N, C-alpha and C. Protein backbone atom coordinates (compact mmCIF):
# COMPACT_ATOMS: atom_id res chain seq x y z
N MET A 1 3.49 -15.48 -10.77
CA MET A 1 1.90 -15.33 -10.54
C MET A 1 1.31 -16.65 -10.40
N CYS A 2 0.26 -16.80 -9.98
CA CYS A 2 -0.66 -17.72 -9.55
C CYS A 2 -1.06 -18.36 -11.12
N ASN A 3 -1.13 -19.94 -11.01
CA ASN A 3 -1.50 -20.61 -12.31
C ASN A 3 -2.99 -20.97 -12.00
N SER A 4 -3.51 -20.85 -10.93
CA SER A 4 -5.07 -21.32 -10.68
C SER A 4 -5.57 -20.15 -9.71
N ILE A 5 -6.87 -20.15 -9.62
CA ILE A 5 -7.51 -19.41 -8.77
C ILE A 5 -8.58 -20.33 -7.99
N LEU A 6 -9.12 -19.73 -6.76
CA LEU A 6 -10.08 -20.43 -5.95
C LEU A 6 -11.38 -19.97 -6.54
N GLY A 7 -12.26 -21.14 -6.76
CA GLY A 7 -13.56 -20.66 -7.20
C GLY A 7 -14.23 -20.22 -6.03
N SER A 8 -15.35 -19.44 -6.03
CA SER A 8 -16.07 -18.86 -5.06
C SER A 8 -16.58 -19.85 -4.10
N ASN A 9 -15.98 -20.08 -2.86
CA ASN A 9 -16.35 -20.94 -1.68
C ASN A 9 -16.14 -22.46 -2.25
N SER A 10 -15.90 -22.90 -3.33
CA SER A 10 -15.70 -24.03 -3.64
C SER A 10 -14.41 -24.72 -2.94
N GLY A 11 -13.35 -24.15 -3.10
CA GLY A 11 -12.08 -24.66 -2.47
C GLY A 11 -11.43 -25.32 -3.67
N LYS A 12 -11.86 -25.35 -4.80
CA LYS A 12 -11.30 -26.31 -6.11
C LYS A 12 -10.67 -25.39 -6.64
N LYS A 13 -9.61 -25.67 -7.54
CA LYS A 13 -8.77 -24.87 -8.38
C LYS A 13 -9.61 -24.63 -9.79
N VAL A 14 -9.57 -23.57 -10.48
CA VAL A 14 -10.01 -23.25 -11.67
C VAL A 14 -8.87 -23.45 -12.56
N LYS A 15 -9.22 -24.21 -13.64
CA LYS A 15 -7.99 -24.73 -14.55
C LYS A 15 -8.28 -23.70 -15.90
N ASN A 16 -7.20 -23.48 -16.65
CA ASN A 16 -6.99 -22.40 -17.94
C ASN A 16 -7.69 -21.33 -17.45
N MET A 17 -7.17 -20.81 -16.16
CA MET A 17 -7.58 -19.37 -15.95
C MET A 17 -7.09 -18.17 -17.04
N ASP A 18 -7.82 -17.10 -17.11
CA ASP A 18 -7.19 -16.10 -17.86
C ASP A 18 -6.12 -15.42 -17.32
N LYS A 19 -5.16 -15.30 -17.67
CA LYS A 19 -3.70 -15.02 -17.46
C LYS A 19 -3.74 -13.57 -16.86
N SER A 20 -4.68 -12.80 -17.50
CA SER A 20 -4.77 -11.57 -17.02
C SER A 20 -5.18 -11.15 -15.60
N LEU A 21 -5.81 -12.05 -15.19
CA LEU A 21 -6.33 -12.25 -13.66
C LEU A 21 -5.11 -12.20 -12.94
N SER A 22 -3.97 -12.53 -13.14
CA SER A 22 -2.55 -12.10 -12.26
C SER A 22 -2.18 -10.98 -12.19
N TRP A 23 -2.83 -9.98 -12.95
CA TRP A 23 -2.52 -8.66 -12.84
C TRP A 23 -3.45 -7.84 -11.63
N PHE A 24 -4.32 -8.54 -11.04
CA PHE A 24 -5.17 -7.97 -10.21
C PHE A 24 -5.10 -8.55 -8.83
N LEU A 25 -5.19 -7.85 -7.78
CA LEU A 25 -4.80 -8.33 -6.32
C LEU A 25 -5.72 -9.53 -6.10
N GLY A 26 -7.08 -9.65 -6.70
CA GLY A 26 -7.73 -11.05 -6.24
C GLY A 26 -8.49 -10.94 -5.06
N PRO A 27 -9.60 -11.40 -5.21
CA PRO A 27 -10.68 -11.39 -4.12
C PRO A 27 -10.30 -11.82 -2.89
N LYS A 28 -9.38 -12.59 -2.55
CA LYS A 28 -8.65 -12.93 -1.56
C LYS A 28 -7.28 -12.63 -1.28
N SER A 29 -7.09 -11.53 -1.98
CA SER A 29 -5.58 -11.17 -1.88
C SER A 29 -4.52 -12.18 -2.44
N GLU A 30 -4.79 -12.96 -3.37
CA GLU A 30 -4.04 -13.90 -3.76
C GLU A 30 -2.74 -13.56 -4.42
N ASN A 31 -2.64 -12.18 -4.98
CA ASN A 31 -1.60 -11.44 -5.43
C ASN A 31 -0.93 -10.38 -4.50
N GLU A 32 -0.97 -10.55 -3.39
CA GLU A 32 -0.78 -9.71 -2.42
C GLU A 32 0.70 -9.22 -2.51
N ASN A 33 1.81 -10.30 -2.48
CA ASN A 33 3.21 -10.03 -2.84
C ASN A 33 3.44 -9.26 -3.83
N GLU A 34 2.96 -9.55 -4.98
CA GLU A 34 3.25 -8.88 -6.33
C GLU A 34 2.65 -7.37 -5.98
N PHE A 35 1.61 -7.23 -5.46
CA PHE A 35 0.73 -5.68 -5.24
C PHE A 35 1.73 -4.98 -4.28
N LYS A 36 2.20 -5.66 -3.29
CA LYS A 36 3.04 -4.92 -2.15
C LYS A 36 4.48 -4.55 -3.02
N LYS A 37 4.89 -5.54 -3.85
CA LYS A 37 6.34 -5.05 -4.55
C LYS A 37 5.97 -3.81 -5.50
N ALA A 38 5.02 -3.89 -6.01
CA ALA A 38 4.70 -2.87 -7.25
C ALA A 38 4.47 -1.67 -6.43
N ALA A 39 3.83 -1.47 -5.20
CA ALA A 39 3.37 -0.44 -4.50
C ALA A 39 4.66 0.25 -4.08
N GLU A 40 5.47 -0.75 -3.38
CA GLU A 40 6.73 -0.44 -2.90
C GLU A 40 7.73 0.28 -4.03
N LEU A 41 7.99 -0.33 -5.06
CA LEU A 41 8.63 0.26 -6.12
C LEU A 41 8.23 1.61 -6.58
N ILE A 42 6.74 1.81 -6.60
CA ILE A 42 6.34 3.24 -6.76
C ILE A 42 6.98 4.17 -5.60
N ILE A 43 6.60 3.74 -4.73
CA ILE A 43 7.12 4.89 -3.54
C ILE A 43 8.47 4.84 -3.27
N GLU A 44 9.16 3.73 -3.42
CA GLU A 44 10.48 4.11 -3.42
C GLU A 44 11.16 4.89 -4.58
N ASP A 45 10.67 4.85 -5.83
CA ASP A 45 11.09 5.56 -6.84
C ASP A 45 10.66 7.06 -6.84
N TYR A 46 9.45 7.24 -6.35
CA TYR A 46 9.15 8.56 -6.04
C TYR A 46 10.09 9.28 -4.92
N LEU A 47 10.40 8.62 -4.02
CA LEU A 47 11.20 9.09 -2.56
C LEU A 47 12.63 9.45 -3.36
N HIS A 48 13.17 8.40 -4.31
CA HIS A 48 14.37 8.62 -4.85
C HIS A 48 14.38 9.92 -5.78
N TRP A 49 13.28 10.03 -6.44
CA TRP A 49 13.33 11.38 -7.43
C TRP A 49 13.17 12.52 -6.52
N ARG A 50 12.57 12.42 -5.27
CA ARG A 50 12.20 13.70 -4.56
C ARG A 50 13.59 14.25 -4.16
N ARG A 51 14.23 13.15 -3.51
CA ARG A 51 15.47 13.43 -2.78
C ARG A 51 16.39 13.93 -3.54
N ASN A 52 16.44 13.81 -4.99
CA ASN A 52 17.31 14.37 -6.05
C ASN A 52 16.96 15.48 -6.88
N TYR A 53 15.64 16.00 -6.64
CA TYR A 53 14.99 16.96 -7.66
C TYR A 53 15.93 18.17 -7.48
N PHE A 54 16.18 18.57 -6.32
CA PHE A 54 17.06 19.80 -5.86
C PHE A 54 17.97 19.03 -4.94
N PRO A 55 19.16 18.49 -5.35
CA PRO A 55 19.89 17.99 -4.34
C PRO A 55 20.88 18.92 -3.57
N LYS A 56 21.04 20.12 -3.91
CA LYS A 56 21.70 21.06 -2.93
C LYS A 56 20.83 21.82 -2.15
N ASP A 57 19.41 21.40 -2.20
CA ASP A 57 18.64 22.31 -1.14
C ASP A 57 18.81 21.51 0.28
N ALA A 58 18.76 22.70 1.31
CA ALA A 58 18.96 22.01 2.60
C ALA A 58 17.64 21.12 3.03
N LEU A 59 17.97 20.41 4.06
CA LEU A 59 16.58 19.97 4.75
C LEU A 59 15.81 20.95 4.91
N LEU A 60 14.22 20.42 5.18
CA LEU A 60 13.50 21.52 5.73
C LEU A 60 12.67 20.96 7.02
N ILE A 61 12.91 19.60 7.04
CA ILE A 61 12.35 18.93 8.22
C ILE A 61 13.56 18.18 8.93
N ASN A 62 14.00 18.20 10.13
CA ASN A 62 15.18 17.59 10.51
C ASN A 62 14.59 16.45 11.61
N LYS A 63 15.45 15.76 11.90
CA LYS A 63 15.26 14.42 12.88
C LYS A 63 14.83 14.99 14.12
N SER A 64 15.49 16.35 14.75
CA SER A 64 15.06 16.48 15.96
C SER A 64 13.72 17.31 16.04
N ASP A 65 13.42 17.81 14.87
CA ASP A 65 11.88 18.31 14.74
C ASP A 65 10.73 17.10 14.62
N GLN A 66 11.15 16.17 14.16
CA GLN A 66 10.30 15.06 13.74
C GLN A 66 10.07 14.55 15.36
N ARG A 67 10.92 14.26 16.16
CA ARG A 67 10.91 13.82 17.49
C ARG A 67 9.93 14.52 18.72
N GLU A 68 9.96 16.01 18.35
CA GLU A 68 9.12 16.76 19.13
C GLU A 68 7.87 16.08 19.59
N ALA A 69 7.24 16.45 20.67
CA ALA A 69 6.23 15.93 21.21
C ALA A 69 5.07 16.30 20.51
N GLU A 70 4.98 17.60 20.07
CA GLU A 70 3.82 17.95 19.46
C GLU A 70 3.60 17.41 18.08
N ILE A 71 4.70 17.20 17.43
CA ILE A 71 4.81 16.83 16.19
C ILE A 71 4.47 15.33 16.30
N GLN A 72 4.88 14.45 17.13
CA GLN A 72 4.29 13.25 17.28
C GLN A 72 2.93 13.02 17.68
N GLN A 73 2.30 14.11 18.45
CA GLN A 73 1.08 14.06 18.45
C GLN A 73 0.05 14.05 17.32
N GLU A 74 0.75 14.96 16.48
CA GLU A 74 -0.02 15.05 15.35
C GLU A 74 0.11 14.03 14.41
N TYR A 75 1.35 13.12 14.26
CA TYR A 75 1.41 11.96 13.68
C TYR A 75 0.41 11.15 14.36
N ASP A 76 0.44 10.94 15.62
CA ASP A 76 -0.45 9.99 16.29
C ASP A 76 -1.82 10.28 15.71
N SER A 77 -2.49 11.47 15.77
CA SER A 77 -3.83 11.99 15.31
C SER A 77 -4.04 11.51 13.86
N PHE A 78 -3.11 11.69 13.34
CA PHE A 78 -3.39 11.56 11.83
C PHE A 78 -3.34 10.36 11.58
N PHE A 79 -2.80 9.05 12.25
CA PHE A 79 -2.75 7.87 11.92
C PHE A 79 -3.86 7.30 12.67
N LYS A 80 -4.48 7.75 13.64
CA LYS A 80 -5.53 7.34 14.23
C LYS A 80 -6.95 7.63 13.31
N GLN A 81 -6.80 8.86 12.97
CA GLN A 81 -7.95 9.20 11.95
C GLN A 81 -7.78 8.29 10.37
N LEU A 82 -6.56 8.04 10.00
CA LEU A 82 -6.34 7.13 9.00
C LEU A 82 -6.91 5.67 9.27
N HIS A 83 -6.66 5.15 10.40
CA HIS A 83 -7.37 4.01 10.82
C HIS A 83 -8.93 3.84 10.83
N ILE A 84 -9.32 5.04 11.36
CA ILE A 84 -10.99 5.18 11.51
C ILE A 84 -11.41 5.11 9.70
N LEU A 85 -10.79 5.94 9.08
CA LEU A 85 -11.27 6.19 7.64
C LEU A 85 -11.11 4.77 6.97
N LEU A 86 -10.07 4.06 7.15
CA LEU A 86 -10.10 2.70 6.56
C LEU A 86 -11.00 1.83 6.99
N ALA A 87 -11.12 1.84 8.26
CA ALA A 87 -12.14 0.97 9.10
C ALA A 87 -13.72 1.16 8.15
N GLU A 88 -13.94 2.46 8.03
CA GLU A 88 -15.33 2.91 7.64
C GLU A 88 -15.32 2.41 6.33
N LEU A 89 -14.42 2.67 5.40
CA LEU A 89 -14.21 2.12 3.82
C LEU A 89 -14.39 0.81 3.91
N SER A 90 -13.75 -0.09 4.94
CA SER A 90 -13.99 -1.54 4.77
C SER A 90 -15.42 -2.13 4.66
N VAL A 91 -16.17 -1.29 5.36
CA VAL A 91 -17.61 -1.89 5.78
C VAL A 91 -18.39 -1.13 4.50
N THR A 92 -17.97 0.06 3.86
CA THR A 92 -18.95 0.60 2.85
C THR A 92 -18.61 0.62 1.50
N SER A 93 -17.39 -0.12 1.16
CA SER A 93 -16.98 -0.09 -0.30
C SER A 93 -16.26 -1.53 -0.42
N LEU A 94 -16.10 -1.69 -1.55
CA LEU A 94 -15.12 -2.75 -2.22
C LEU A 94 -13.58 -2.17 -2.52
N LEU A 95 -12.75 -2.11 -1.53
CA LEU A 95 -11.34 -1.94 -1.75
C LEU A 95 -10.67 -2.25 -2.83
């Protein structure tokens, strides 16, 4: 975790910072790596739990289905809309 934070626009390090600040992303994403690691751990744990919830169940979606053009178009549309939403959020709110 970081031992200091940047002051707003000063470029100077702030000494004796509150250590609890290291639990937040930070205004300049100073704790980006820790944030990504935590998010990845949560997602990986959920995926592992999901795979093992009913281990004897058959696959519902197979790889060949995922490669179908219609499904790919749906994925493309979903990600396009997701990017639009994220762009709109970035100008209207503090994430």
